[in-house]
Protein backbone atom coordinates (compact mmCIF):
# COMPACT_ATOMS: atom_id res chain seq x y z
CA MET A 1 -43.00 24.65 -37.43
CA SER A 2 -45.27 22.72 -35.10
CA GLU A 3 -43.75 20.73 -32.27
CA ILE A 4 -43.61 16.95 -32.60
CA PRO A 5 -45.88 15.35 -30.00
CA VAL A 6 -43.98 13.38 -27.33
CA LYS A 7 -45.44 10.32 -25.74
CA ASP A 8 -45.28 10.08 -21.95
CA VAL A 9 -43.84 6.67 -21.12
CA THR A 10 -43.80 7.22 -17.37
CA PRO A 11 -45.23 4.12 -15.61
CA LYS A 12 -48.81 4.47 -14.44
CA PRO A 13 -49.34 5.19 -10.73
CA GLU A 14 -50.83 1.76 -10.07
CA LYS A 15 -47.77 0.11 -11.64
CA SER A 16 -45.23 2.30 -9.90
CA SER A 17 -46.71 1.40 -6.53
CA GLU A 18 -46.25 -2.31 -7.10
CA THR A 19 -43.43 -4.01 -5.24
CA VAL A 20 -41.12 -6.68 -6.58
CA ASN A 21 -39.75 -9.39 -4.35
CA MET A 22 -35.97 -9.46 -4.76
CA TYR A 23 -35.88 -13.13 -3.80
CA GLN A 24 -38.63 -14.29 -6.10
CA LYS A 25 -37.98 -17.25 -8.36
CA ARG A 26 -36.35 -16.38 -11.67
CA GLU A 27 -38.59 -16.60 -14.72
CA LYS A 28 -36.67 -18.23 -17.53
CA ILE A 29 -36.25 -16.10 -20.63
CA TYR A 30 -36.57 -17.91 -23.93
CA VAL A 31 -34.59 -15.81 -26.40
CA ARG A 32 -35.59 -16.04 -30.03
CA GLU A 33 -32.87 -16.24 -32.66
CA ILE A 34 -32.85 -13.39 -35.16
CA GLU A 35 -30.75 -12.40 -38.16
CA GLY A 36 -29.83 -8.87 -39.10
CA LEU A 37 -27.10 -6.24 -39.43
CA PHE A 38 -26.29 -5.89 -35.75
CA GLN A 39 -26.36 -9.64 -35.21
CA LYS A 40 -23.76 -9.98 -37.98
CA ILE A 41 -21.60 -7.31 -36.31
CA ARG A 42 -21.88 -9.19 -33.02
CA THR A 43 -20.96 -12.47 -34.70
CA TRP A 44 -17.77 -10.98 -36.11
CA SER A 45 -16.87 -9.31 -32.82
CA LEU A 46 -17.58 -12.57 -31.01
CA TRP A 47 -15.27 -14.51 -33.30
CA ALA A 48 -12.56 -11.89 -32.79
CA LEU A 49 -12.94 -12.06 -28.99
CA MET A 50 -12.92 -15.85 -28.87
CA LEU A 51 -9.94 -16.04 -31.21
CA GLY A 52 -8.12 -13.52 -29.04
CA TYR A 53 -8.91 -15.26 -25.77
CA PHE A 54 -8.43 -18.88 -26.77
CA GLY A 55 -5.68 -18.28 -29.35
CA THR A 56 -3.35 -15.77 -27.68
CA ALA A 57 -2.36 -18.26 -24.99
CA TRP A 58 -0.83 -20.49 -27.70
CA LEU A 59 1.36 -17.81 -29.26
CA ASP A 60 5.10 -17.93 -28.64
CA TRP A 61 7.49 -15.02 -28.32
CA GLY A 62 11.03 -16.19 -28.65
CA ASP A 63 11.63 -19.00 -26.18
CA ARG A 64 8.58 -18.28 -24.00
CA GLN A 65 4.82 -17.87 -24.19
CA ALA A 66 3.82 -14.52 -25.67
CA VAL A 67 1.41 -13.64 -22.85
CA LEU A 68 2.33 -15.27 -19.55
CA PHE A 69 1.78 -14.06 -16.01
CA ASP A 70 4.53 -15.95 -14.20
CA LEU A 71 3.55 -15.48 -10.55
CA PRO A 72 6.35 -17.59 -8.98
CA ALA A 73 8.98 -15.56 -10.86
CA ARG A 74 6.98 -12.35 -10.38
CA GLN A 75 7.25 -11.57 -14.08
CA PHE A 76 4.35 -10.59 -16.33
CA HIS A 77 5.18 -11.08 -20.00
CA ILE A 78 3.05 -9.36 -22.64
CA PHE A 79 4.73 -9.98 -26.00
CA ASN A 80 8.02 -8.01 -25.97
CA VAL A 81 7.37 -6.21 -22.67
CA THR A 82 7.94 -7.70 -19.22
CA PHE A 83 6.39 -6.13 -16.15
CA TRP A 84 7.65 -6.63 -12.62
CA PRO A 85 5.94 -5.98 -9.26
CA GLN A 86 7.69 -2.60 -9.29
CA ASP A 87 5.53 -1.73 -12.31
CA PHE A 88 2.30 -2.03 -10.34
CA MET A 89 1.66 1.67 -10.90
CA LEU A 90 1.54 1.04 -14.65
CA LEU A 91 -1.13 -1.62 -14.07
CA SER A 92 -3.18 0.81 -11.98
CA TRP A 93 -2.76 3.38 -14.71
CA ALA A 94 -3.98 0.89 -17.33
CA LEU A 95 -7.08 0.07 -15.25
CA ILE A 96 -7.90 3.77 -14.90
CA ILE A 97 -7.56 4.12 -18.68
CA CYS A 98 -10.00 1.23 -19.16
CA ALA A 99 -12.46 2.98 -16.84
CA PHE A 100 -12.25 6.26 -18.74
CA GLY A 101 -12.57 4.37 -22.01
CA LEU A 102 -15.79 2.86 -20.72
CA PHE A 103 -17.02 6.29 -19.61
CA THR A 104 -16.27 7.75 -23.05
CA ILE A 105 -17.99 4.95 -24.95
CA THR A 106 -21.01 5.03 -22.64
CA ASN A 107 -21.47 8.77 -22.96
CA PHE A 108 -21.29 8.49 -26.74
CA ALA A 109 -23.21 5.27 -27.51
CA GLY A 110 -24.63 3.86 -24.29
CA ARG A 111 -23.97 0.24 -23.32
CA VAL A 112 -22.48 -0.98 -26.60
CA TRP A 113 -19.64 -2.49 -24.55
CA CYS A 114 -22.18 -4.76 -22.85
CA GLY A 115 -23.93 -5.72 -26.05
CA TYR A 116 -20.90 -6.56 -28.17
CA THR A 117 -17.72 -7.15 -26.14
CA CYS A 118 -18.56 -7.85 -22.49
CA PRO A 119 -17.34 -11.36 -21.54
CA GLN A 120 -20.64 -12.12 -19.80
CA SER A 121 -22.60 -11.25 -22.95
CA ALA A 122 -20.12 -13.01 -25.25
CA TRP A 123 -20.22 -16.31 -23.38
CA SER A 124 -23.99 -16.04 -22.87
CA PHE A 125 -24.52 -15.73 -26.63
CA ILE A 126 -22.32 -18.78 -27.19
CA PHE A 127 -24.35 -20.78 -24.67
CA MET A 128 -27.61 -19.58 -26.25
CA TRP A 129 -26.34 -20.69 -29.67
CA ILE A 130 -25.59 -24.17 -28.25
CA GLU A 131 -29.05 -24.24 -26.63
CA GLU A 132 -30.71 -23.30 -29.91
CA ARG A 133 -28.92 -26.10 -31.76
CA ALA A 134 -29.60 -28.72 -29.09
CA GLU A 135 -33.23 -27.95 -28.17
CA GLY A 136 -34.58 -26.11 -31.19
CA SER A 137 -36.24 -22.74 -31.70
CA ARG A 138 -37.82 -20.59 -29.00
CA ASN A 139 -41.25 -22.19 -29.32
CA ALA A 140 -39.69 -25.67 -29.38
CA ARG A 141 -37.78 -24.94 -26.15
CA ILE A 142 -40.89 -23.64 -24.41
CA LYS A 143 -42.79 -26.74 -25.47
CA LEU A 144 -39.91 -29.02 -24.44
CA ASP A 145 -39.77 -27.59 -20.92
CA LYS A 146 -43.51 -28.16 -20.49
CA GLU A 147 -43.33 -31.76 -21.65
CA PRO A 148 -43.07 -34.61 -19.14
CA LEU A 149 -39.72 -36.35 -18.75
CA SER A 150 -38.91 -38.54 -21.73
CA ALA A 151 -35.94 -40.04 -23.53
CA THR A 152 -36.04 -37.29 -26.17
CA LYS A 153 -36.11 -34.57 -23.54
CA VAL A 154 -33.21 -36.12 -21.60
CA ARG A 155 -31.19 -36.51 -24.80
CA LYS A 156 -31.66 -32.87 -25.86
CA LYS A 157 -30.96 -31.54 -22.38
CA ALA A 158 -27.87 -33.75 -22.08
CA ILE A 159 -26.47 -32.53 -25.41
CA LYS A 160 -26.98 -28.93 -24.35
CA HIS A 161 -25.29 -29.30 -20.96
CA ILE A 162 -22.42 -31.33 -22.38
CA GLY A 163 -21.81 -28.53 -24.88
CA TRP A 164 -21.95 -25.96 -22.09
CA LEU A 165 -19.50 -27.93 -19.94
CA ILE A 166 -17.03 -28.37 -22.82
CA VAL A 167 -16.95 -24.61 -23.47
CA ALA A 168 -16.79 -23.83 -19.73
CA PHE A 169 -13.99 -26.35 -19.14
CA TRP A 170 -11.89 -25.05 -22.01
CA THR A 171 -12.49 -21.49 -20.76
CA GLY A 172 -11.06 -22.50 -17.38
CA VAL A 173 -8.10 -24.30 -18.93
CA THR A 174 -7.28 -21.30 -21.12
CA PHE A 175 -7.48 -18.91 -18.18
CA VAL A 176 -5.04 -20.99 -16.14
CA GLY A 177 -2.92 -21.27 -19.31
CA TYR A 178 -2.13 -17.57 -19.01
CA PHE A 179 -0.50 -18.26 -15.61
CA THR A 180 1.04 -21.67 -16.36
CA PRO A 181 2.59 -22.43 -19.78
CA ILE A 182 -0.37 -23.83 -21.67
CA ARG A 183 1.74 -26.12 -23.86
CA GLU A 184 2.73 -27.95 -20.68
CA LEU A 185 -0.63 -27.62 -18.93
CA VAL A 186 -2.82 -29.25 -21.61
CA PRO A 187 -0.75 -32.45 -21.99
CA ASP A 188 -0.63 -32.76 -18.18
CA ILE A 189 -4.43 -32.58 -18.03
CA PHE A 190 -5.00 -35.35 -20.55
CA THR A 191 -2.16 -37.54 -19.25
CA PHE A 192 -3.00 -36.94 -15.59
CA GLY A 193 0.32 -35.25 -15.04
CA ASP A 194 1.38 -32.98 -12.22
CA ILE A 195 -0.97 -30.02 -12.61
CA GLY A 196 -0.86 -29.02 -8.97
CA SER A 197 -3.65 -28.45 -6.50
CA TRP A 198 -3.92 -24.74 -7.29
CA GLY A 199 -4.09 -25.44 -11.03
CA LEU A 200 -6.91 -27.93 -10.51
CA PHE A 201 -8.71 -25.52 -8.20
CA TRP A 202 -8.68 -22.59 -10.63
CA ILE A 203 -9.62 -24.74 -13.64
CA GLY A 204 -12.57 -26.08 -11.65
CA PHE A 205 -13.49 -22.64 -10.34
CA PHE A 206 -13.65 -20.97 -13.75
CA THR A 207 -15.38 -23.98 -15.28
CA VAL A 208 -18.15 -23.76 -12.71
CA ALA A 209 -18.30 -19.95 -12.86
CA THR A 210 -18.61 -19.94 -16.66
CA TYR A 211 -21.19 -22.74 -16.67
CA VAL A 212 -23.37 -21.05 -14.02
CA ASN A 213 -23.05 -17.43 -15.18
CA ALA A 214 -23.44 -17.99 -18.94
CA GLY A 215 -25.73 -21.03 -18.81
CA TRP A 216 -28.05 -20.48 -15.86
CA MET A 217 -27.87 -16.91 -14.58
CA ARG A 218 -27.29 -14.94 -17.79
CA GLU A 219 -29.37 -11.77 -17.50
CA GLN A 220 -29.30 -12.02 -13.70
CA VAL A 221 -25.61 -11.18 -13.80
CA CYS A 222 -26.25 -8.11 -15.97
CA ILE A 223 -29.23 -6.89 -13.95
CA TYR A 224 -28.30 -7.66 -10.35
CA MET A 225 -24.57 -8.41 -10.13
CA CYS A 226 -22.93 -5.99 -12.56
CA PRO A 227 -22.42 -2.52 -11.00
CA TYR A 228 -22.22 -0.93 -14.43
CA ALA A 229 -25.98 -1.30 -14.88
CA ARG A 230 -26.49 0.86 -11.79
CA PHE A 231 -24.15 3.76 -12.41
CA GLN A 232 -24.43 4.01 -16.20
CA SER A 233 -27.17 6.64 -15.89
CA VAL A 234 -24.70 9.22 -14.55
CA MET A 235 -22.82 9.03 -17.89
CA TYR A 236 -25.93 9.33 -20.07
CA ASP A 237 -27.22 12.64 -21.36
CA THR A 238 -29.85 13.70 -23.87
CA ASP A 239 -27.31 13.35 -26.72
CA THR A 240 -26.24 9.78 -25.90
CA LEU A 241 -26.96 7.21 -28.61
CA ALA A 242 -29.11 4.42 -27.19
CA VAL A 243 -31.41 1.72 -28.50
CA SER A 244 -34.77 3.48 -28.47
CA TYR A 245 -38.31 3.03 -29.71
CA ASP A 246 -39.69 5.90 -31.82
CA PHE A 247 -43.03 6.32 -30.04
CA ASN A 248 -43.98 9.29 -32.26
CA ARG A 249 -43.98 7.01 -35.27
CA GLY A 250 -45.08 3.76 -33.66
CA GLU A 251 -48.04 4.86 -31.52
CA PRO A 252 -50.81 3.99 -31.26
CA ARG A 253 -49.71 0.40 -31.79
CA GLY A 254 -51.93 -2.41 -33.00
CA LYS A 255 -52.56 -4.98 -35.73
CA ARG A 256 -52.73 -3.78 -39.32
CA SER A 257 -56.10 -3.40 -40.99
CA LYS A 258 -55.70 -3.93 -44.72
CA LYS A 259 -59.29 -2.90 -45.39
CA ALA A 260 -58.95 0.38 -43.51
CA LYS A 261 -55.67 1.05 -45.27
CA ALA A 262 -57.23 0.40 -48.68
CA GLU A 263 -60.11 2.75 -47.89
CA GLY A 264 -57.72 5.49 -46.75
CA ASP A 265 -58.95 5.57 -43.18
CA THR A 266 -57.28 8.56 -41.48
CA ASN A 267 -57.52 6.93 -38.07
CA GLN A 268 -54.97 4.27 -38.86
CA LEU A 269 -52.68 2.96 -36.19
CA GLY A 270 -48.98 3.70 -35.89
CA ASP A 271 -46.24 1.62 -37.49
CA CYS A 272 -45.88 -0.72 -34.50
CA VAL A 273 -47.95 -3.82 -35.14
CA ASP A 274 -47.54 -5.03 -31.54
CA CYS A 275 -45.96 -8.31 -32.66
CA SER A 276 -43.79 -8.48 -29.50
CA LEU A 277 -40.87 -9.78 -31.56
CA CYS A 278 -38.64 -7.12 -29.99
CA VAL A 279 -39.43 -8.63 -26.58
CA GLN A 280 -38.88 -12.22 -27.72
CA VAL A 281 -35.33 -11.54 -28.94
CA CYS A 282 -34.26 -9.47 -25.91
CA PRO A 283 -31.69 -11.38 -23.78
CA THR A 284 -32.81 -9.50 -20.65
CA GLY A 285 -36.54 -9.87 -21.35
CA ILE A 286 -37.50 -6.19 -21.40
CA ASP A 287 -39.89 -4.32 -23.68
CA ILE A 288 -37.91 -1.51 -25.29
CA ARG A 289 -41.18 0.24 -26.10
CA ASP A 290 -41.51 1.13 -22.41
CA GLY A 291 -38.59 3.54 -22.75
CA LEU A 292 -34.93 3.44 -21.74
CA GLN A 293 -34.31 0.90 -18.97
CA TYR A 294 -31.18 0.04 -17.02
CA GLN A 295 -31.61 -3.65 -17.95
CA CYS A 296 -30.99 -2.87 -21.64
CA ILE A 297 -27.48 -3.96 -22.67
CA GLY A 298 -27.57 -2.22 -26.05
CA CYS A 299 -27.27 -5.44 -28.06
CA ALA A 300 -29.64 -4.11 -30.78
CA LEU A 301 -31.34 -7.48 -31.33
CA CYS A 302 -34.66 -5.67 -31.06
CA ILE A 303 -33.55 -3.39 -33.90
CA ASP A 304 -32.89 -6.38 -36.17
CA ALA A 305 -36.23 -7.90 -35.17
CA CYS A 306 -38.23 -4.73 -35.78
CA ASP A 307 -36.46 -3.98 -39.06
CA SER A 308 -37.37 -7.44 -40.34
CA ILE A 309 -41.06 -6.73 -39.62
CA MET A 310 -40.93 -3.25 -41.18
CA GLU A 311 -39.36 -4.75 -44.29
CA LYS A 312 -42.23 -7.23 -44.63
CA LEU A 313 -44.76 -4.41 -44.22
CA ASP A 314 -42.99 -2.21 -46.82
CA LYS A 315 -42.38 0.44 -44.20
CA PRO A 316 -39.14 2.31 -43.52
CA LYS A 317 -36.79 0.71 -41.04
CA GLY A 318 -35.74 2.42 -37.85
CA LEU A 319 -38.87 2.23 -35.71
CA ILE A 320 -36.42 0.93 -33.12
CA ARG A 321 -32.93 2.30 -33.69
CA TYR A 322 -29.86 3.83 -32.17
CA THR A 323 -30.90 7.41 -31.53
CA THR A 324 -30.82 10.15 -28.92
CA GLU A 325 -33.43 11.57 -26.61
CA ASN A 326 -33.09 14.94 -28.30
CA GLU A 327 -33.76 13.44 -31.73
CA LEU A 328 -36.89 11.68 -30.50
CA GLU A 329 -38.13 14.99 -29.14
CA GLY A 330 -37.45 16.77 -32.43
CA LYS A 331 -34.38 18.60 -31.14
CA LYS A 332 -30.87 18.79 -32.54
CA THR A 333 -28.36 16.16 -31.46
CA HIS A 334 -24.94 17.45 -30.40
CA ILE A 335 -22.19 14.92 -31.07
CA LEU A 336 -19.35 17.08 -29.76
CA ARG A 337 -20.29 18.19 -26.27
CA PRO A 338 -18.30 19.18 -23.17
CA ARG A 339 -18.70 15.91 -21.25
CA LEU A 340 -17.75 13.70 -24.20
CA PHE A 341 -14.85 15.98 -25.07
CA GLY A 342 -13.65 15.89 -21.46
CA TYR A 343 -13.79 12.08 -21.26
CA ALA A 344 -12.04 11.70 -24.63
CA ALA A 345 -9.34 14.27 -23.83
CA ALA A 346 -8.56 12.65 -20.48
CA LEU A 347 -8.46 9.24 -22.17
CA ILE A 348 -6.06 10.37 -24.90
CA ILE A 349 -3.76 12.11 -22.41
CA MET A 350 -3.61 9.05 -20.14
CA ILE A 351 -2.99 6.65 -23.05
CA GLY A 352 -0.18 8.89 -24.25
CA GLY A 353 1.29 9.11 -20.76
CA LEU A 354 1.16 5.34 -20.25
CA GLY A 355 2.72 4.70 -23.65
CA TYR A 356 5.53 7.15 -22.92
CA SER A 357 6.13 5.57 -19.49
CA ILE A 358 6.42 2.08 -21.00
CA VAL A 359 8.69 3.17 -23.86
CA SER A 360 10.95 5.37 -21.73
CA ARG A 361 11.16 3.20 -18.61
CA THR A 362 14.64 2.07 -17.59
CA PRO A 363 15.23 -1.52 -18.73
CA PHE A 364 17.12 -2.24 -15.51
CA GLU A 365 16.12 -2.27 -11.87
CA LEU A 366 18.53 -1.88 -8.96
CA ASP A 367 17.36 -2.39 -5.38
CA ILE A 368 19.75 -1.63 -2.53
CA GLU A 369 19.37 -2.72 1.08
CA ARG A 370 21.89 -1.98 3.80
CA ASP A 371 22.78 -4.62 6.35
CA ARG A 372 20.43 -3.72 9.17
CA GLY A 373 22.26 -5.90 11.68
CA ARG A 374 25.12 -3.42 11.99
CA LEU A 375 25.70 0.22 11.16
CA TYR A 376 29.35 -0.24 10.21
CA GLN A 377 32.31 -2.52 10.94
CA LEU A 378 35.86 -1.68 12.02
CA THR A 379 38.17 -4.26 10.44
CA VAL A 380 41.52 -5.58 11.66
CA ASN A 381 43.15 -3.39 9.02
CA ASP A 382 41.67 -0.31 10.71
CA THR A 383 39.25 0.34 7.87
CA ILE A 384 35.52 1.09 7.97
CA GLN A 385 33.18 -1.25 6.10
CA ASN A 386 29.45 -1.14 5.24
CA ALA A 387 27.60 -4.20 3.87
CA TYR A 388 24.89 -4.00 1.19
CA THR A 389 22.57 -6.47 -0.50
CA LEU A 390 21.94 -5.63 -4.16
CA LYS A 391 19.22 -6.98 -6.43
CA LEU A 392 20.00 -6.49 -10.10
CA MET A 393 17.21 -7.09 -12.62
CA ASN A 394 17.71 -7.07 -16.37
CA MET A 395 14.28 -5.97 -17.61
CA SER A 396 15.30 -5.70 -21.27
CA GLN A 397 14.72 -8.31 -23.96
CA GLU A 398 18.43 -9.00 -24.49
CA ALA A 399 21.24 -10.44 -22.37
CA HIS A 400 23.77 -7.86 -21.18
CA THR A 401 26.88 -7.54 -19.04
CA TYR A 402 26.82 -4.73 -16.50
CA ILE A 403 29.54 -2.94 -14.55
CA LEU A 404 28.88 -1.84 -10.96
CA SER A 405 30.65 1.18 -9.49
CA VAL A 406 30.13 3.59 -6.60
CA GLU A 407 30.44 7.38 -6.43
CA GLY A 408 30.04 10.14 -3.88
CA LEU A 409 32.86 9.62 -1.38
CA ASP A 410 36.58 9.93 -2.13
CA GLY A 411 38.62 6.90 -1.27
CA LEU A 412 35.64 4.54 -1.14
CA ARG A 413 36.50 1.05 -2.42
CA LEU A 414 34.09 -1.66 -3.59
CA LEU A 415 34.90 -5.16 -2.32
CA GLY A 416 33.27 -7.91 -4.35
CA ASN A 417 32.27 -8.62 -7.92
CA THR A 418 31.83 -5.56 -10.11
CA GLU A 419 30.83 -7.32 -13.34
CA TYR A 420 27.53 -9.16 -13.79
CA SER A 421 26.19 -10.98 -16.85
CA LEU A 422 22.41 -11.16 -16.76
CA ASP A 423 20.14 -13.04 -19.11
CA VAL A 424 16.77 -11.73 -20.35
CA ASN A 425 14.50 -10.90 -17.39
CA GLN A 426 17.03 -12.38 -14.96
CA LEU A 427 17.09 -11.34 -11.30
CA HIS A 428 20.47 -11.60 -9.54
CA GLU A 429 21.02 -10.99 -5.83
CA THR A 430 24.50 -10.34 -4.42
CA THR A 431 26.18 -8.98 -1.28
CA ILE A 432 29.05 -6.47 -1.45
CA ASN A 433 31.08 -4.41 1.01
CA LEU A 434 32.24 -0.83 0.73
CA GLU A 435 35.48 0.07 2.51
CA ILE A 436 37.27 3.31 3.36
CA ASP A 437 40.32 4.28 5.41
CA PRO A 438 39.49 6.55 8.36
CA GLU A 439 42.29 8.91 7.28
CA GLU A 440 40.71 9.34 3.86
CA THR A 441 37.24 10.21 5.07
CA ARG A 442 36.37 13.81 5.73
CA MET A 443 32.89 13.07 7.05
CA SER A 444 31.74 15.67 9.50
CA ALA A 445 28.55 13.71 10.15
CA SER A 446 27.88 10.04 10.86
CA LYS A 447 26.73 9.27 7.29
CA ALA A 448 27.39 10.36 3.73
CA ASN A 449 25.36 10.11 0.53
CA ILE A 450 26.71 7.71 -2.09
CA GLU A 451 25.42 6.43 -5.43
CA PHE A 452 25.64 2.98 -6.99
CA VAL A 453 26.06 3.27 -10.76
CA ILE A 454 25.24 0.56 -13.32
CA THR A 455 26.92 0.81 -16.73
CA ASN A 456 26.35 -1.34 -19.81
CA LYS A 457 29.69 -2.97 -20.61
CA GLU A 458 28.99 -3.35 -24.32
CA THR A 459 27.97 0.25 -24.98
CA GLY A 460 29.58 2.06 -22.06
CA GLU A 461 26.32 3.89 -21.40
CA GLU A 462 25.03 4.50 -17.91
CA VAL A 463 21.92 2.41 -17.33
CA THR A 464 20.78 3.58 -13.90
CA ARG A 465 21.98 4.90 -10.56
CA GLU A 466 20.53 4.59 -7.07
CA GLU A 467 21.30 6.57 -3.94
CA SER A 468 22.23 5.03 -0.60
CA ARG A 469 24.12 5.89 2.62
CA PHE A 470 27.57 5.09 3.98
CA ILE A 471 27.76 5.14 7.76
CA ALA A 472 30.98 5.71 9.71
CA PRO A 473 32.09 7.04 13.12
CA ARG A 474 31.84 10.78 13.43
CA ALA A 475 35.16 12.41 12.41
């Protein structure tokens, strides 16, 4: 079997020696609207993302907001689970899982995260949709920008920017609504209530950030600001699915000659008709026919564009498609490979570990702090006392009554309240004293290990226990 010829897409020496000024003025990209399979997939994913982002903030869970990051109370509610600052390790664990998930997806199918679910891409596509409706098609927008200032031009530009600002403003309001109850925040905004300086600041900040990033910068964020574009290559291999141009089938490119085709000319051109539609629909303005480039976000708009042309020419689709480097070179593609298996295995193990940690974590937190102002106190009754400050946190989703006791030293008595009723996610701070008669202690050292035990009054089950120290004069 003869080898399939491979086209060399390495830039020519004269092009590779050219320099690009990093501070040169941005050339505006006029993205052409296109319909197709992958655009439909993106539309559905975009609706799901927007519904999740804008809708979740309005969901209730019992008597509180379903997802609420209550910073003043230091409680982070996510449906039926509440996280406290002590659970910061779980947050770190979740972020590491997200990173490995990104590694796994990238190794398997390239930058599909960027093309379908990245917030920058999602909001950029929304802003481009508004721009298309306000100013017209790609050619109409190019013509409009070249026209002198007129009432029509001002009207179209105004409609576009008003639409952008509405989406950006509501994005900022929703973001703040995850930190301040949104059912109170929204009425305060429209009635000029007490939002607070920090609330106003963050609403303004995210409004401006969304408006600038999705409306003006767009591809600049993906190309220059996002670090993912730079290190993605270390996760690619020759079996990674990526949006690619089949140069073996498409070259040499050129316009179709119906006469030559009718006469059976053997020197016909390849399937690529050099229509540049794949470039016109690209949100980052690249030509996918030049080979894999770090600017490509894997959105597959060029696939929809090329397939529409191939369909009109009665040629098979897939001149541009999701494929691998090995397939383009006529080699076998290996789906299951060591790197992908390693990423996936690590991801599954970490997800399982995080899930187990959340399910099995103790629904109660007990923090103990000894009185640092004094080691111990000799009372008028000739007893030895130690003072402690206890913080009891009910981290479950039900109210409970708890019993406090102490173990580890014979004759040790607890002075203070031993029964505490705590509501859902309630934090209670109290001060207690432990007392012992010198005759009853058999301490050969200046301190002894003790344990504070918390028991659920309703069930009688031990909830948690924490170790501390009792300090006394040496026997």
